[in-house]
Amino acid sequence: MWDHRPTADELLDARTGAGWTPTATSTRDGEVVMGHACKLVLPARPAPER
Protein backbone atom coordinates (compact mmCIF):
# COMPACT_ATOMS: atom_id res chain seq x y z
CA MET A 1 0.00 0.00 0.00
CA TRP A 2 2.83 2.42 0.80
CA ASP A 3 5.96 2.95 -1.24
CA HIS A 4 7.60 4.51 1.83
CA ARG A 5 7.32 4.32 5.59
CA PRO A 6 4.14 6.35 6.28
CA THR A 7 4.18 9.16 8.79
CA ALA A 8 1.75 9.23 11.70
CA ASP A 9 -0.23 11.94 9.88
CA GLU A 10 -0.46 9.83 6.72
CA LEU A 11 -1.68 6.81 8.70
CA LEU A 12 -4.27 8.93 10.50
CA ASP A 13 -5.46 10.42 7.19
CA ALA A 14 -5.77 6.93 5.68
CA ARG A 15 -7.74 5.63 8.65
CA THR A 16 -10.15 8.55 8.76
CA GLY A 17 -10.49 8.41 4.98
CA ALA A 18 -11.66 4.81 5.34
CA GLY A 19 -14.34 5.86 7.83
CA TRP A 20 -12.53 5.23 11.11
CA THR A 21 -13.26 7.55 14.02
CA PRO A 22 -11.42 7.58 17.34
CA THR A 23 -13.11 6.48 20.53
CA ALA A 24 -12.90 8.89 23.43
CA THR A 25 -11.73 7.64 26.81
CA SER A 26 -13.60 8.70 29.96
CA THR A 27 -11.29 10.54 32.33
CA ARG A 28 -11.76 12.72 35.38
CA ASP A 29 -11.61 15.69 33.01
CA GLY A 30 -14.29 14.25 30.74
CA GLU A 31 -14.13 12.46 27.41
CA VAL A 32 -10.64 12.65 25.86
CA VAL A 33 -9.27 11.31 22.58
CA MET A 34 -5.75 10.13 23.29
CA GLY A 35 -2.73 9.43 21.13
CA HIS A 36 -2.05 10.91 17.71
CA ALA A 37 -5.79 11.04 16.96
CA CYS A 38 -6.16 13.81 19.55
CA LYS A 39 -5.17 16.15 16.70
CA LEU A 40 -8.55 15.59 15.06
CA VAL A 41 -11.33 18.09 15.59
CA LEU A 42 -14.36 15.99 16.46
CA PRO A 43 -18.00 17.02 16.74
CA ALA A 44 -18.96 17.96 20.28
CA ARG A 45 -20.84 15.34 22.24
CA PRO A 46 -23.56 16.29 24.66
CA ALA A 47 -22.51 16.08 28.28
CA PRO A 48 -23.83 12.99 30.07
CA GLU A 49 -26.69 13.56 32.46
CA ARG A 50 -25.84 13.13 36.12
PDB file of N, CA and C in Angstrom:
ATOM      1  N   MET A   1       0.823  -1.187   0.000  1.00  0.00           N
ATOM      2  CA  MET A   1       0.000   0.000   0.000  1.00  0.00           C
ATOM      3  C   MET A   1       0.872   1.258   0.000  1.00  0.00           C
ATOM      4  N   TRP A   2       1.955   1.245   0.719  1.00  0.00           N
ATOM      5  CA  TRP A   2       2.828   2.425   0.799  1.00  0.00           C
ATOM      6  C   TRP A   2       4.138   2.118   0.076  1.00  0.00           C
ATOM      7  N   ASP A   3       4.658   3.115  -0.613  1.00  0.00           N
ATOM      8  CA  ASP A   3       5.965   2.950  -1.237  1.00  0.00           C
ATOM      9  C   ASP A   3       7.067   3.540  -0.360  1.00  0.00           C
ATOM     10  N   HIS A   4       6.672   3.948   0.852  1.00  0.00           N
ATOM     11  CA  HIS A   4       7.596   4.506   1.828  1.00  0.00           C
ATOM     12  C   HIS A   4       7.017   4.235   3.219  1.00  0.00           C
ATOM     13  N   ARG A   5       7.815   4.470   4.227  1.00  0.00           N
ATOM     14  CA  ARG A   5       7.316   4.320   5.594  1.00  0.00           C
ATOM     15  C   ARG A   5       6.385   5.500   5.879  1.00  0.00           C
ATOM     16  N   PRO A   6       5.084   5.242   6.099  1.00  0.00           N
ATOM     17  CA  PRO A   6       4.140   6.347   6.283  1.00  0.00           C
ATOM     18  C   PRO A   6       4.363   7.069   7.610  1.00  0.00           C
ATOM     19  N   THR A   7       4.098   8.361   7.559  1.00  0.00           N
ATOM     20  CA  THR A   7       4.177   9.157   8.790  1.00  0.00           C
ATOM     21  C   THR A   7       2.913   8.922   9.608  1.00  0.00           C
ATOM     22  N   ALA A   8       2.933   9.360  10.848  1.00  0.00           N
ATOM     23  CA  ALA A   8       1.751   9.233  11.704  1.00  0.00           C
ATOM     24  C   ALA A   8       0.570   9.997  11.099  1.00  0.00           C
ATOM     25  N   ASP A   9       0.833  11.156  10.515  1.00  0.00           N
ATOM     26  CA  ASP A   9      -0.235  11.936   9.881  1.00  0.00           C
ATOM     27  C   ASP A   9      -0.826  11.200   8.677  1.00  0.00           C
ATOM     28  N   GLU A  10       0.033  10.579   7.869  1.00  0.00           N
ATOM     29  CA  GLU A  10      -0.459   9.827   6.718  1.00  0.00           C
ATOM     30  C   GLU A  10      -1.320   8.641   7.151  1.00  0.00           C
ATOM     31  N   LEU A  11      -0.894   7.931   8.190  1.00  0.00           N
ATOM     32  CA  LEU A  11      -1.681   6.813   8.699  1.00  0.00           C
ATOM     33  C   LEU A  11      -3.033   7.287   9.232  1.00  0.00           C
ATOM     34  N   LEU A  12      -3.027   8.380   9.963  1.00  0.00           N
ATOM     35  CA  LEU A  12      -4.266   8.925  10.496  1.00  0.00           C
ATOM     36  C   LEU A  12      -5.196   9.358   9.367  1.00  0.00           C
ATOM     37  N   ASP A  13      -4.654  10.009   8.350  1.00  0.00           N
ATOM     38  CA  ASP A  13      -5.460  10.417   7.191  1.00  0.00           C
ATOM     39  C   ASP A  13      -6.063   9.202   6.484  1.00  0.00           C
ATOM     40  N   ALA A  14      -5.266   8.135   6.335  1.00  0.00           N
ATOM     41  CA  ALA A  14      -5.767   6.926   5.678  1.00  0.00           C
ATOM     42  C   ALA A  14      -6.886   6.288   6.497  1.00  0.00           C
ATOM     43  N   ARG A  15      -6.717   6.239   7.787  1.00  0.00           N
ATOM     44  CA  ARG A  15      -7.742   5.635   8.652  1.00  0.00           C
ATOM     45  C   ARG A  15      -9.035   6.432   8.624  1.00  0.00           C
ATOM     46  N   THR A  16      -8.932   7.745   8.770  1.00  0.00           N
ATOM     47  CA  THR A  16     -10.151   8.554   8.759  1.00  0.00           C
ATOM     48  C   THR A  16     -10.785   8.561   7.378  1.00  0.00           C
ATOM     49  N   GLY A  17      -9.969   8.484   6.338  1.00  0.00           N
ATOM     50  CA  GLY A  17     -10.493   8.414   4.981  1.00  0.00           C
ATOM     51  C   GLY A  17     -11.281   7.138   4.720  1.00  0.00           C
ATOM     52  N   ALA A  18     -10.959   6.094   5.477  1.00  0.00           N
ATOM     53  CA  ALA A  18     -11.659   4.813   5.341  1.00  0.00           C
ATOM     54  C   ALA A  18     -12.867   4.730   6.273  1.00  0.00           C
ATOM     55  N   GLY A  19     -13.154   5.835   6.978  1.00  0.00           N
ATOM     56  CA  GLY A  19     -14.340   5.865   7.834  1.00  0.00           C
ATOM     57  C   GLY A  19     -14.096   5.638   9.312  1.00  0.00           C
ATOM     58  N   TRP A  20     -12.848   5.446   9.701  1.00  0.00           N
ATOM     59  CA  TRP A  20     -12.531   5.225  11.109  1.00  0.00           C
ATOM     60  C   TRP A  20     -12.706   6.506  11.902  1.00  0.00           C
ATOM     61  N   THR A  21     -13.212   6.408  13.101  1.00  0.00           N
ATOM     62  CA  THR A  21     -13.263   7.546  14.019  1.00  0.00           C
ATOM     63  C   THR A  21     -12.716   7.099  15.370  1.00  0.00           C
ATOM     64  N   PRO A  22     -11.992   7.965  16.048  1.00  0.00           N
ATOM     65  CA  PRO A  22     -11.423   7.584  17.338  1.00  0.00           C
ATOM     66  C   PRO A  22     -12.501   7.466  18.412  1.00  0.00           C
ATOM     67  N   THR A  23     -12.225   6.645  19.382  1.00  0.00           N
ATOM     68  CA  THR A  23     -13.114   6.483  20.529  1.00  0.00           C
ATOM     69  C   THR A  23     -12.538   7.265  21.693  1.00  0.00           C
ATOM     70  N   ALA A  24     -13.357   8.103  22.289  1.00  0.00           N
ATOM     71  CA  ALA A  24     -12.903   8.889  23.435  1.00  0.00           C
ATOM     72  C   ALA A  24     -12.832   8.002  24.673  1.00  0.00           C
ATOM     73  N   THR A  25     -11.900   8.328  25.546  1.00  0.00           N
ATOM     74  CA  THR A  25     -11.728   7.641  26.810  1.00  0.00           C
ATOM     75  C   THR A  25     -12.286   8.523  27.918  1.00  0.00           C
ATOM     76  N   SER A  26     -13.064   7.936  28.822  1.00  0.00           N
ATOM     77  CA  SER A  26     -13.597   8.702  29.958  1.00  0.00           C
ATOM     78  C   SER A  26     -12.487   8.927  30.974  1.00  0.00           C
ATOM     79  N   THR A  27     -12.279  10.188  31.308  1.00  0.00           N
ATOM     80  CA  THR A  27     -11.289  10.541  32.326  1.00  0.00           C
ATOM     81  C   THR A  27     -11.950  11.453  33.347  1.00  0.00           C
ATOM     82  N   ARG A  28     -11.227  11.786  34.375  1.00  0.00           N
ATOM     83  CA  ARG A  28     -11.763  12.724  35.381  1.00  0.00           C
ATOM     84  C   ARG A  28     -12.094  14.071  34.766  1.00  0.00           C
ATOM     85  N   ASP A  29     -11.397  14.414  33.698  1.00  0.00           N
ATOM     86  CA  ASP A  29     -11.614  15.693  33.011  1.00  0.00           C
ATOM     87  C   ASP A  29     -12.646  15.591  31.893  1.00  0.00           C
ATOM     88  N   GLY A  30     -13.295  14.444  31.782  1.00  0.00           N
ATOM     89  CA  GLY A  30     -14.295  14.248  30.738  1.00  0.00           C
ATOM     90  C   GLY A  30     -13.792  13.314  29.657  1.00  0.00           C
ATOM     91  N   GLU A  31     -14.485  13.314  28.532  1.00  0.00           N
ATOM     92  CA  GLU A  31     -14.125  12.457  27.407  1.00  0.00           C
ATOM     93  C   GLU A  31     -12.907  13.035  26.691  1.00  0.00           C
ATOM     94  N   VAL A  32     -11.889  12.195  26.471  1.00  0.00           N
ATOM     95  CA  VAL A  32     -10.643  12.646  25.858  1.00  0.00           C
ATOM     96  C   VAL A  32     -10.220  11.646  24.788  1.00  0.00           C
ATOM     97  N   VAL A  33      -9.869  12.153  23.613  1.00  0.00           N
ATOM     98  CA  VAL A  33      -9.265  11.313  22.582  1.00  0.00           C
ATOM     99  C   VAL A  33      -7.768  11.367  22.815  1.00  0.00           C
ATOM    100  N   MET A  34      -7.168  10.197  22.961  1.00  0.00           N
ATOM    101  CA  MET A  34      -5.746  10.127  23.291  1.00  0.00           C
ATOM    102  C   MET A  34      -4.927   9.712  22.073  1.00  0.00           C
ATOM    103  N   GLY A  35      -3.631   9.836  22.192  1.00  0.00           N
ATOM    104  CA  GLY A  35      -2.734   9.426  21.126  1.00  0.00           C
ATOM    105  C   GLY A  35      -2.700  10.432  19.992  1.00  0.00           C
ATOM    106  N   HIS A  36      -2.205  10.002  18.860  1.00  0.00           N
ATOM    107  CA  HIS A  36      -2.045  10.909  17.711  1.00  0.00           C
ATOM    108  C   HIS A  36      -3.399  11.414  17.207  1.00  0.00           C
ATOM    109  N   ALA A  37      -4.451  10.638  17.422  1.00  0.00           N
ATOM    110  CA  ALA A  37      -5.788  11.037  16.964  1.00  0.00           C
ATOM    111  C   ALA A  37      -6.331  12.237  17.724  1.00  0.00           C
ATOM    112  N   CYS A  38      -5.684  12.638  18.807  1.00  0.00           N
ATOM    113  CA  CYS A  38      -6.159  13.811  19.546  1.00  0.00           C
ATOM    114  C   CYS A  38      -6.042  15.075  18.703  1.00  0.00           C
ATOM    115  N   LYS A  39      -5.303  15.009  17.600  1.00  0.00           N
ATOM    116  CA  LYS A  39      -5.166  16.149  16.695  1.00  0.00           C
ATOM    117  C   LYS A  39      -6.451  16.443  15.937  1.00  0.00           C
ATOM    118  N   LEU A  40      -7.317  15.435  15.835  1.00  0.00           N
ATOM    119  CA  LEU A  40      -8.548  15.594  15.064  1.00  0.00           C
ATOM    120  C   LEU A  40      -9.531  16.502  15.786  1.00  0.00           C
ATOM    121  N   VAL A  41     -10.259  17.276  15.030  1.00  0.00           N
ATOM    122  CA  VAL A  41     -11.332  18.092  15.586  1.00  0.00           C
ATOM    123  C   VAL A  41     -12.606  17.281  15.398  1.00  0.00           C
ATOM    124  N   LEU A  42     -13.182  16.848  16.503  1.00  0.00           N
ATOM    125  CA  LEU A  42     -14.363  15.994  16.457  1.00  0.00           C
ATOM    126  C   LEU A  42     -15.605  16.790  16.822  1.00  0.00           C
ATOM    127  N   PRO A  43     -16.766  16.345  16.338  1.00  0.00           N
ATOM    128  CA  PRO A  43     -17.999  17.018  16.744  1.00  0.00           C
ATOM    129  C   PRO A  43     -18.196  16.914  18.252  1.00  0.00           C
ATOM    130  N   ALA A  44     -18.732  17.953  18.821  1.00  0.00           N
ATOM    131  CA  ALA A  44     -18.963  17.961  20.277  1.00  0.00           C
ATOM    132  C   ALA A  44     -20.041  16.946  20.635  1.00  0.00           C
ATOM    133  N   ARG A  45     -19.844  16.273  21.735  1.00  0.00           N
ATOM    134  CA  ARG A  45     -20.838  15.336  22.244  1.00  0.00           C
ATOM    135  C   ARG A  45     -21.567  15.999  23.387  1.00  0.00           C
ATOM    136  N   PRO A  46     -22.842  15.712  23.512  1.00  0.00           N
ATOM    137  CA  PRO A  46     -23.558  16.288  24.657  1.00  0.00           C
ATOM    138  C   PRO A  46     -23.008  15.709  25.958  1.00  0.00           C
ATOM    139  N   ALA A  47     -22.974  16.535  26.980  1.00  0.00           N
ATOM    140  CA  ALA A  47     -22.505  16.079  28.281  1.00  0.00           C
ATOM    141  C   ALA A  47     -23.474  15.048  28.850  1.00  0.00           C
ATOM    142  N   PRO A  48     -22.939  14.002  29.484  1.00  0.00           N
ATOM    143  CA  PRO A  48     -23.826  12.987  30.071  1.00  0.00           C
ATOM    144  C   PRO A  48     -24.634  13.573  31.219  1.00  0.00           C
ATOM    145  N   GLU A  49     -25.839  13.096  31.357  1.00  0.00           N
ATOM    146  CA  GLU A  49     -26.689  13.556  32.457  1.00  0.00           C
ATOM    147  C   GLU A  49     -26.209  12.913  33.748  1.00  0.00           C
ATOM    148  N   ARG A  50     -26.285  13.658  34.816  1.00  0.00           N
ATOM    149  CA  ARG A  50     -25.835  13.127  36.119  1.00  0.00           C
ATOM    150  C   ARG A  50     -27.004  12.981  37.040  1.00  0.00           C
TER     151      ARG A  50
END
